[in-house]
Amino acid sequence: MLQVVWLKRDLRCRDHAPLFEAVQRGPVLPLYIYEPSLWSAPDAAPRHWSFVAESLTDLRRRLPIAVRVGEVLPVLDEIRRTHGIAGLWAHEETTNWIAYQRDRAVRRWAREQGIPFIELPGSGVVRRLRSRNGWSAAWERQMGAAPAPAVEQLPAIPGIALGEIPPSAPALQRGGETAAWETLDSFLLERGRNYSREMSSPVTAFTSCSRLSAHLAWGTISLRETTQATRRRMDAAPDWKRALRSFDARLHWRSHFMQKMEDEPQIEFRNFVTAFDGMREPHWNEEYFAAWCEGRTGYGMIDACMRALRETGWINFRMRAMLVSFASYHLWLHWPKPAAFLARQFTDYEPGIHYAQFQMQSGTTGINTLRIYSPDKQALDQDPRGEFVRRWVPEGVGPRIVDHGAAYKLARARMAAFRQMPAMKAQAKVVQVKHGSRKKPAPSRQKTLF
């Protein structure tokens, strides 16, 4: 009978606790399942699969990974009937609603079949968390623990074909564990010196940001090893300390936002504060949405960022926040459809971060400061010579879809009306208790990621 290691968003052999633990208990089958239901979901995109396929190809150079196309339960049941499953192993996963429901179905199936299903933590998120009190200390303990030893050699299982990795287009960002470590090294030793100063501008961020977000999202490197490597470098290079402290803080905030979805998976499609229901929905404008998606709003920084994102699969955090702010306030678009669109553009799409951040930037959490970015100010601050806008909007900026001053005034008035509602205030208190941070960041630390 086999120890099956179900690979999902953990495509690596280093610091992979399920893989290491399974190896101690018998013959191991590392298994990746291409699930049509997940890959046809509204938040999935070919660019995600390209990164995953490249990562699987890289991992197969070390391990005999079996790849199957189909839904999880029929695939697992076939292996159970033909070879037997002594144990099913996986990392705990905080992800979208469809995968959340899928995981619950697998747990039920495993119980019914009498198969131990062992899920181990790895992302700094605490499952079945009762209170946010002490969460930061728990995160530090998990990040400070010794990484699981690498598993780099396994015998193939006789009678089990490895299967073909479904085809994909070339990845927009190179995937795989090899690329992940090369990216981390180049950031910690070369590119990251000015991280804290250069992460906000799209002119410099493509080089000065870590560019590890896709690798962390798809698990080609672990959060623990990234954190520990960052802290070792911080100790070894005092002149880098400011930059690396800033990056280290964002690794912490990464898990903080994922914890929100772990505790409340419905935030993928439901407002944190339901008193905001109906605030934007009646005002949906399909023409505004299309213009925003296509980068033709007439605001140079908005259009350049959207076009760069669509072309490269990445844009830095401040520009992501600006894009969401513009859709939410200037265009007054309800967030779910814009969120699904941007999910498909981000190679580093991480559901736990994505929806919590999207709601924070669109003002529906009830507990965060209202953020209405001025695209013109962002252009002056982050692209003062206009080089980024000229690169991505070479034809020149077209007429503006809305007036900034009028849209800003209207959005502020609408938000103020809803924020004064007694139901909103009561629900916001509940959100703060359940999801609010207990660790106050330093004044200079912005709650931004990568």
Protein backbone atom coordinates (compact mmCIF):
# COMPACT_ATOMS: atom_id res chain seq x y z
CA MET A 1 0.00 0.00 0.00
CA LEU A 2 1.10 3.53 -0.79
CA GLN A 3 1.69 6.76 1.04
CA VAL A 4 0.17 9.28 -1.37
CA VAL A 5 1.45 12.85 -1.17
CA TRP A 6 -1.12 15.10 -2.79
CA LEU A 7 0.68 18.11 -4.26
CA LYS A 8 -1.29 21.32 -4.64
CA ARG A 9 0.28 24.71 -3.94
CA ASP A 10 3.50 23.16 -2.63
CA LEU A 11 5.55 22.23 -5.70
CA ARG A 12 8.93 21.69 -4.08
CA CYS A 13 11.08 19.04 -2.42
CA ARG A 14 12.73 21.30 0.21
CA ASP A 15 10.92 21.96 3.48
CA HIS A 16 8.01 19.79 2.41
CA ALA A 17 6.81 18.20 5.65
CA PRO A 18 4.13 15.91 4.13
CA LEU A 19 6.63 14.49 1.66
CA PHE A 20 9.31 13.99 4.31
CA GLU A 21 6.92 12.37 6.79
CA ALA A 22 5.43 10.08 4.16
CA VAL A 23 8.87 8.82 3.14
CA GLN A 24 9.43 7.56 6.69
CA ARG A 25 6.37 5.30 6.46
CA GLY A 26 6.56 3.34 3.23
CA PRO A 27 6.53 3.59 -0.56
CA VAL A 28 5.58 7.11 -1.62
CA LEU A 29 3.60 8.32 -4.62
CA PRO A 30 3.86 12.09 -5.14
CA LEU A 31 0.68 12.99 -7.02
CA TYR A 32 -0.45 16.12 -8.82
CA ILE A 33 -4.02 16.20 -10.14
CA TYR A 34 -5.02 18.62 -12.88
CA GLU A 35 -8.63 19.28 -11.86
CA PRO A 36 -10.87 20.58 -14.67
CA SER A 37 -13.33 22.07 -12.18
CA LEU A 38 -10.59 24.24 -10.65
CA TRP A 39 -8.91 25.22 -13.90
CA SER A 40 -12.21 26.30 -15.46
CA ALA A 41 -13.21 28.43 -12.46
CA PRO A 42 -13.66 32.22 -12.93
CA ASP A 43 -10.43 33.03 -11.08
CA ALA A 44 -8.21 30.57 -13.00
CA ALA A 45 -6.13 31.50 -16.04
CA PRO A 46 -3.70 29.88 -18.49
CA ARG A 47 -0.86 31.96 -17.05
CA HIS A 48 -1.37 30.21 -13.69
CA TRP A 49 -1.16 26.81 -15.33
CA SER A 50 1.93 27.81 -17.30
CA PHE A 51 3.73 28.58 -14.04
CA VAL A 52 2.49 25.36 -12.43
CA ALA A 53 3.38 23.20 -15.44
CA GLU A 54 6.90 24.64 -15.53
CA SER A 55 7.21 24.03 -11.79
CA LEU A 56 6.09 20.41 -12.16
CA THR A 57 8.59 19.89 -14.97
CA ASP A 58 11.36 21.24 -12.76
CA LEU A 59 10.28 19.09 -9.80
CA ARG A 60 10.14 15.98 -11.96
CA ARG A 61 13.88 16.28 -12.47
CA ARG A 62 14.17 15.25 -8.82
CA LEU A 63 11.07 13.20 -8.04
CA PRO A 64 8.87 10.73 -9.98
CA ILE A 65 5.67 12.75 -9.74
CA ALA A 66 2.53 11.11 -11.08
CA VAL A 67 0.24 13.54 -12.92
CA ARG A 68 -3.41 12.79 -13.53
CA VAL A 69 -6.16 14.75 -15.27
CA GLY A 70 -9.55 14.46 -13.58
CA GLU A 71 -11.42 15.29 -10.42
CA VAL A 72 -9.75 14.34 -7.17
CA LEU A 73 -12.08 11.70 -5.77
CA PRO A 74 -12.18 9.44 -8.86
CA VAL A 75 -8.39 9.69 -9.21
CA LEU A 76 -7.77 8.81 -5.56
CA ASP A 77 -10.31 6.03 -5.64
CA GLU A 78 -8.65 4.46 -8.66
CA ILE A 79 -5.30 4.43 -6.85
CA ARG A 80 -6.97 2.98 -3.77
CA ARG A 81 -8.52 0.13 -5.78
CA THR A 82 -5.40 -0.71 -7.78
CA HIS A 83 -2.58 -0.19 -5.29
CA GLY A 84 -4.10 0.64 -1.91
CA ILE A 85 -3.56 3.85 0.06
CA ALA A 86 -2.07 3.51 3.52
CA GLY A 87 -2.03 7.28 4.09
CA LEU A 88 -2.90 10.48 2.25
CA TRP A 89 -0.67 13.48 2.94
CA ALA A 90 -0.99 17.16 2.05
CA HIS A 91 -0.26 20.63 3.28
CA GLU A 92 -3.06 22.60 4.85
CA GLU A 93 -4.32 24.97 2.21
CA THR A 94 -6.08 28.32 2.40
CA THR A 95 -7.58 28.88 -0.99
CA ASN A 96 -10.72 29.65 -2.97
CA TRP A 97 -14.22 28.39 -2.23
CA ILE A 98 -14.26 25.65 -4.86
CA ALA A 99 -11.04 24.13 -3.53
CA TYR A 100 -12.24 24.57 0.05
CA GLN A 101 -15.31 22.48 -0.76
CA ARG A 102 -13.16 19.99 -2.65
CA ASP A 103 -10.91 19.51 0.38
CA ARG A 104 -13.93 18.89 2.61
CA ALA A 105 -15.13 16.22 0.19
CA VAL A 106 -11.71 14.54 0.26
CA ARG A 107 -11.75 14.48 4.05
CA ARG A 108 -15.17 12.81 4.02
CA TRP A 109 -14.02 10.28 1.43
CA ALA A 110 -10.88 9.44 3.43
CA ARG A 111 -12.93 8.89 6.60
CA GLU A 112 -15.36 6.65 4.75
CA GLN A 113 -12.51 4.59 3.30
CA GLY A 114 -10.64 4.38 6.59
CA ILE A 115 -7.62 6.17 5.10
CA PRO A 116 -5.67 8.54 7.36
CA PHE A 117 -5.59 11.99 5.76
CA ILE A 118 -2.81 14.03 7.35
CA GLU A 119 -2.67 17.76 6.59
CA LEU A 120 0.33 19.68 7.92
CA PRO A 121 0.77 23.45 8.33
CA GLY A 122 3.26 25.39 6.29
CA SER A 123 2.08 28.90 5.44
CA GLY A 124 1.99 30.54 8.87
CA VAL A 125 -1.79 30.17 8.95
CA VAL A 126 -3.46 28.55 11.96
CA ARG A 127 -6.37 26.23 11.22
CA ARG A 128 -9.39 26.38 13.54
CA LEU A 129 -8.06 29.54 15.16
CA ARG A 130 -10.17 30.56 18.14
CA SER A 131 -8.70 34.00 18.71
CA ARG A 132 -6.23 36.34 17.05
CA ASN A 133 -4.60 36.85 20.45
CA GLY A 134 -1.17 35.27 20.30
CA TRP A 135 -1.31 34.74 16.54
CA SER A 136 1.92 36.62 15.85
CA ALA A 137 3.80 34.52 18.41
CA ALA A 138 2.45 31.35 16.79
CA TRP A 139 3.60 32.61 13.40
CA GLU A 140 7.09 33.22 14.76
CA ARG A 141 7.24 29.71 16.20
CA GLN A 142 6.23 28.18 12.89
CA MET A 143 8.69 30.29 10.92
CA GLY A 144 11.48 29.62 13.41
CA ALA A 145 11.13 25.83 13.38
CA ALA A 146 13.70 23.75 11.54
CA PRO A 147 12.76 23.16 7.90
CA ALA A 148 11.84 19.62 6.92
CA PRO A 149 14.81 17.86 5.28
CA ALA A 150 14.71 17.85 1.50
CA VAL A 151 13.51 14.73 -0.32
CA GLU A 152 15.35 14.65 -3.63
CA GLN A 153 15.26 10.97 -4.58
CA LEU A 154 12.42 8.48 -4.64
CA PRO A 155 11.97 5.19 -6.48
CA ALA A 156 9.13 5.06 -8.97
CA ILE A 157 6.19 2.86 -8.02
CA PRO A 158 6.01 -0.23 -10.25
CA GLY A 159 2.86 -0.36 -12.33
CA ILE A 160 2.04 3.36 -11.99
CA ALA A 161 2.70 5.46 -15.07
CA LEU A 162 3.81 8.99 -14.35
CA GLY A 163 1.50 10.50 -16.97
CA GLU A 164 1.93 13.58 -19.12
CA ILE A 165 1.86 17.12 -17.79
CA PRO A 166 -0.94 18.91 -19.69
CA PRO A 167 0.48 21.37 -22.25
CA SER A 168 0.86 25.05 -21.52
CA ALA A 169 2.15 28.25 -23.06
CA PRO A 170 5.55 29.54 -21.90
CA ALA A 171 5.31 30.98 -18.40
CA LEU A 172 5.34 34.78 -18.04
CA GLN A 173 7.55 34.30 -15.00
CA ARG A 174 9.86 31.31 -14.79
CA GLY A 175 8.42 28.65 -12.49
CA GLY A 176 10.01 25.90 -10.45
CA GLU A 177 12.02 25.37 -7.28
CA THR A 178 15.30 26.04 -9.06
CA ALA A 179 14.06 29.44 -10.24
CA ALA A 180 12.64 30.19 -6.79
CA TRP A 181 15.99 29.85 -5.08
CA GLU A 182 17.78 31.76 -7.80
CA THR A 183 15.23 34.56 -7.39
CA LEU A 184 15.63 34.62 -3.60
CA ASP A 185 19.41 34.67 -3.85
CA SER A 186 19.44 37.48 -6.39
CA PHE A 187 17.10 39.53 -4.20
CA LEU A 188 19.00 38.99 -0.96
CA LEU A 189 22.45 39.45 -2.49
CA GLU A 190 21.94 41.95 -5.31
CA ARG A 191 18.52 43.40 -6.14
CA GLY A 192 17.05 44.04 -2.70
CA ARG A 193 19.39 46.68 -1.30
CA ASN A 194 16.96 49.52 -2.10
CA TYR A 195 13.77 47.49 -1.63
CA SER A 196 12.17 49.77 0.96
CA ARG A 197 12.78 52.86 -1.21
CA GLU A 198 12.03 51.43 -4.64
CA MET A 199 9.16 48.98 -4.12
CA SER A 200 6.42 51.58 -4.65
CA SER A 201 7.34 52.77 -8.13
CA PRO A 202 6.65 50.55 -11.14
CA VAL A 203 9.76 52.06 -12.71
CA THR A 204 11.99 50.34 -10.14
CA ALA A 205 9.78 47.68 -8.53
CA PHE A 206 10.13 45.07 -11.29
CA THR A 207 13.80 44.79 -10.29
CA SER A 208 13.92 45.89 -6.65
CA CYS A 209 10.96 43.86 -5.38
CA SER A 210 11.63 40.27 -4.41
CA ARG A 211 9.60 38.76 -7.30
CA LEU A 212 9.04 35.77 -5.01
CA SER A 213 5.28 36.22 -4.78
CA ALA A 214 4.47 33.67 -7.51
CA HIS A 215 6.89 31.17 -5.99
CA LEU A 216 5.31 31.59 -2.56
CA ALA A 217 1.81 31.40 -4.02
CA TRP A 218 2.46 28.11 -5.83
CA GLY A 219 4.79 26.73 -3.19
CA THR A 220 8.03 26.37 -5.15
CA ILE A 221 9.72 27.77 -2.04
CA SER A 222 8.45 27.70 1.53
CA LEU A 223 7.58 30.77 3.55
CA ARG A 224 9.70 29.41 6.41
CA GLU A 225 12.88 29.06 4.36
CA THR A 226 12.30 32.47 2.79
CA THR A 227 11.90 34.05 6.23
CA GLN A 228 14.93 32.32 7.68
CA ALA A 229 17.13 33.19 4.69
CA THR A 230 16.02 36.82 4.95
CA ARG A 231 16.91 36.99 8.63
CA ARG A 232 20.29 35.35 8.10
CA ARG A 233 21.07 37.93 5.44
CA MET A 234 19.87 40.72 7.74
CA ASP A 235 22.36 39.61 10.37
CA ALA A 236 25.17 39.29 7.85
CA ALA A 237 24.60 42.62 6.08
CA PRO A 238 23.78 45.45 8.53
CA ASP A 239 23.61 48.02 5.72
CA TRP A 240 20.73 46.02 4.21
CA LYS A 241 18.80 45.88 7.48
CA ARG A 242 16.23 48.57 6.66
CA ALA A 243 15.33 46.98 3.33
CA LEU A 244 15.19 43.44 4.70
CA ARG A 245 13.19 44.42 7.78
CA SER A 246 10.62 45.86 5.42
CA PHE A 247 10.54 42.66 3.40
CA ASP A 248 10.41 40.50 6.53
CA ALA A 249 7.37 42.48 7.74
CA ARG A 250 5.59 41.74 4.48
CA LEU A 251 6.20 38.02 4.87
CA HIS A 252 4.38 38.31 8.20
CA TRP A 253 1.54 40.35 6.70
CA ARG A 254 1.20 37.75 3.95
CA SER A 255 0.07 35.15 6.47
CA HIS A 256 -1.98 37.74 8.37
CA PHE A 257 -4.18 38.32 5.32
CA MET A 258 -4.39 34.63 4.46
CA GLN A 259 -5.61 33.95 7.99
CA LYS A 260 -8.66 36.10 7.26
CA MET A 261 -9.78 33.75 4.48
CA GLU A 262 -8.92 30.70 6.58
CA ASP A 263 -11.24 32.01 9.28
CA GLU A 264 -13.96 33.17 6.89
CA PRO A 265 -13.79 31.54 3.42
CA GLN A 266 -16.93 33.38 2.28
CA ILE A 267 -14.98 36.64 1.86
CA GLU A 268 -14.31 35.47 -1.69
CA PHE A 269 -17.84 36.46 -2.62
CA ARG A 270 -19.41 38.19 0.41
CA ASN A 271 -18.66 41.56 1.99
CA PHE A 272 -16.86 41.37 5.33
CA VAL A 273 -19.53 43.77 6.58
CA THR A 274 -22.85 42.81 5.03
CA ALA A 275 -24.27 46.24 5.86
CA PHE A 276 -22.40 47.34 2.73
CA ASP A 277 -24.54 45.01 0.59
CA GLY A 278 -26.34 46.99 -2.09
CA MET A 279 -23.98 49.97 -1.86
CA ARG A 280 -22.40 49.53 -5.30
CA GLU A 281 -24.37 46.73 -6.96
CA PRO A 282 -27.15 48.93 -8.48
CA HIS A 283 -24.54 51.25 -10.04
CA TRP A 284 -22.69 48.62 -12.10
CA ASN A 285 -21.42 50.04 -15.40
CA GLU A 286 -20.21 47.49 -17.94
CA GLU A 287 -18.54 50.14 -20.11
CA TYR A 288 -16.51 51.40 -17.15
CA PHE A 289 -15.52 47.85 -16.29
CA ALA A 290 -14.39 47.07 -19.84
CA ALA A 291 -12.36 50.29 -20.04
CA TRP A 292 -10.66 49.51 -16.73
CA CYS A 293 -9.87 45.93 -17.81
CA GLU A 294 -8.45 47.04 -21.14
CA GLY A 295 -6.36 49.94 -19.85
CA ARG A 296 -8.23 52.74 -21.63
CA THR A 297 -9.61 54.88 -18.82
CA GLY A 298 -7.72 57.99 -19.93
CA TYR A 299 -5.66 58.02 -16.73
CA GLY A 300 -2.09 57.33 -17.79
CA MET A 301 -0.93 55.59 -14.64
CA ILE A 302 -4.04 53.41 -14.45
CA ASP A 303 -3.83 52.35 -18.07
CA ALA A 304 -0.07 51.77 -18.02
CA CYS A 305 -0.29 49.60 -14.91
CA MET A 306 -3.16 47.54 -16.27
CA ARG A 307 -1.41 46.97 -19.58
CA ALA A 308 1.87 46.08 -17.88
CA LEU A 309 0.05 43.63 -15.63
CA ARG A 310 -1.77 41.97 -18.51
CA GLU A 311 1.47 41.63 -20.46
CA THR A 312 3.82 40.50 -17.67
CA GLY A 313 1.55 38.90 -15.04
CA TRP A 314 2.87 41.17 -12.30
CA ILE A 315 2.71 44.71 -10.95
CA ASN A 316 3.88 46.02 -7.60
CA PHE A 317 1.57 46.30 -4.63
CA ARG A 318 1.02 50.04 -4.53
CA MET A 319 -0.08 50.00 -8.16
CA ARG A 320 -2.39 47.04 -7.44
CA ALA A 321 -3.97 49.05 -4.65
CA MET A 322 -4.35 52.02 -6.98
CA LEU A 323 -6.07 49.87 -9.63
CA VAL A 324 -8.54 48.50 -7.09
CA SER A 325 -9.14 51.93 -5.60
CA PHE A 326 -9.90 53.39 -9.02
CA ALA A 327 -12.37 50.61 -9.85
CA SER A 328 -14.02 50.85 -6.45
CA TYR A 329 -14.29 54.61 -5.99
CA HIS A 330 -13.83 56.44 -9.29
CA LEU A 331 -15.89 53.89 -11.23
CA TRP A 332 -17.97 52.72 -8.23
CA LEU A 333 -17.78 49.06 -9.32
CA HIS A 334 -18.79 46.32 -6.88
CA TRP A 335 -15.60 44.33 -6.20
CA PRO A 336 -16.31 40.63 -7.11
CA LYS A 337 -16.03 40.91 -10.91
CA PRO A 338 -12.95 43.18 -10.79
CA ALA A 339 -11.45 40.80 -8.24
CA ALA A 340 -11.95 37.78 -10.50
CA PHE A 341 -10.48 39.69 -13.44
CA LEU A 342 -7.34 40.68 -11.54
CA ALA A 343 -7.02 37.15 -10.14
CA ARG A 344 -6.68 35.93 -13.73
CA GLN A 345 -4.00 38.54 -14.47
CA PHE A 346 -1.79 37.87 -11.42
CA THR A 347 0.61 34.98 -11.93
CA ASP A 348 1.05 35.17 -8.15
CA TYR A 349 -2.69 34.91 -7.44
CA GLU A 350 -3.07 33.81 -3.83
CA PRO A 351 -6.78 33.70 -2.90
CA GLY A 352 -6.23 34.29 0.80
CA ILE A 353 -4.38 37.52 0.16
CA HIS A 354 -6.34 38.57 -2.90
CA TYR A 355 -9.85 38.83 -1.49
CA ALA A 356 -8.89 40.22 1.90
CA GLN A 357 -6.82 42.93 0.20
CA PHE A 358 -9.48 43.60 -2.40
CA GLN A 359 -12.11 44.22 0.23
CA MET A 360 -9.73 46.33 2.29
CA GLN A 361 -8.94 48.54 -0.70
CA SER A 362 -12.61 48.81 -1.71
CA GLY A 363 -13.72 49.79 1.79
CA THR A 364 -16.00 46.86 2.68
CA THR A 365 -14.12 45.55 5.72
CA GLY A 366 -15.44 48.32 7.96
CA ILE A 367 -12.20 48.46 9.94
CA ASN A 368 -9.62 49.91 7.55
CA THR A 369 -8.87 53.50 6.62
CA LEU A 370 -10.57 54.66 3.45
CA ARG A 371 -8.00 54.69 0.63
CA ILE A 372 -8.93 56.67 -2.47
CA TYR A 373 -5.80 57.03 -4.57
CA SER A 374 -5.31 59.96 -6.90
CA PRO A 375 -3.93 58.50 -10.16
CA ASP A 376 -2.35 61.85 -11.01
CA LYS A 377 -0.55 62.07 -7.68
CA GLN A 378 0.65 58.49 -8.05
CA ALA A 379 1.99 59.34 -11.49
CA LEU A 380 3.86 62.35 -10.10
CA ASP A 381 5.20 60.40 -7.11
CA GLN A 382 6.02 57.09 -8.76
CA ASP A 383 6.70 57.97 -12.42
CA PRO A 384 7.81 61.63 -12.34
CA ARG A 385 9.50 61.51 -15.76
CA GLY A 386 6.60 59.67 -17.34
CA GLU A 387 8.80 56.84 -18.61
CA PHE A 388 6.56 54.02 -17.36
CA VAL A 389 3.41 55.58 -18.83
CA ARG A 390 5.09 56.27 -22.18
CA ARG A 391 6.33 52.70 -22.38
CA TRP A 392 2.91 51.13 -21.86
CA VAL A 393 0.68 53.82 -23.40
CA PRO A 394 2.80 54.79 -26.42
CA GLU A 395 -0.15 56.19 -28.38
CA GLY A 396 -0.78 58.77 -25.68
CA VAL A 397 -3.50 59.01 -23.07
CA GLY A 398 -7.09 59.25 -24.31
CA PRO A 399 -10.04 61.17 -22.85
CA ARG A 400 -10.77 60.52 -19.20
CA ILE A 401 -13.68 58.22 -18.46
CA VAL A 402 -14.60 60.13 -15.27
CA ASP A 403 -13.53 63.34 -13.60
CA HIS A 404 -11.32 62.68 -10.58
CA GLY A 405 -12.62 65.52 -8.43
CA ALA A 406 -16.29 64.73 -8.98
CA ALA A 407 -15.80 60.97 -8.57
CA TYR A 408 -13.76 61.47 -5.39
CA LYS A 409 -16.41 63.74 -3.84
CA LEU A 410 -19.25 61.37 -4.70
CA ALA A 411 -17.42 58.28 -3.42
CA ARG A 412 -16.59 59.98 -0.12
CA ALA A 413 -20.22 60.99 0.37
CA ARG A 414 -21.55 57.52 -0.45
CA MET A 415 -19.05 55.81 1.84
CA ALA A 416 -19.76 58.22 4.66
CA ALA A 417 -23.47 57.51 4.47
CA PHE A 418 -22.95 53.77 4.78
CA ARG A 419 -20.23 54.03 7.44
CA GLN A 420 -22.59 55.98 9.70
CA MET A 421 -25.19 53.19 9.72
CA PRO A 422 -25.56 51.55 13.18
CA ALA A 423 -25.55 48.08 11.56
CA MET A 424 -22.23 48.84 9.84
CA LYS A 425 -20.62 50.01 13.08
CA ALA A 426 -21.84 46.94 14.98
CA GLN A 427 -20.62 44.53 12.32
CA ALA A 428 -17.28 46.33 12.05
CA LYS A 429 -16.66 45.65 15.73
CA VAL A 430 -17.21 41.93 15.10
CA VAL A 431 -14.80 42.03 12.14
CA GLN A 432 -12.16 43.75 14.27
CA VAL A 433 -12.37 41.11 16.98
CA LYS A 434 -12.22 38.24 14.51
CA HIS A 435 -9.76 39.54 11.91
CA GLY A 436 -7.96 42.60 13.26
CA SER A 437 -4.24 42.55 13.86
CA ARG A 438 -3.10 42.39 17.49
CA LYS A 439 0.39 43.57 16.63
CA LYS A 440 0.61 47.26 15.88
CA PRO A 441 3.08 47.96 13.06
CA ALA A 442 5.69 50.67 13.29
CA PRO A 443 4.47 54.05 11.95
CA SER A 444 6.63 53.76 8.84
CA ARG A 445 5.44 50.28 7.99
CA GLN A 446 2.72 50.23 5.37
CA LYS A 447 0.52 47.15 5.13
CA THR A 448 1.71 46.26 1.67
CA LEU A 449 2.88 43.00 0.18
CA PHE A 450 5.81 42.38 -2.15
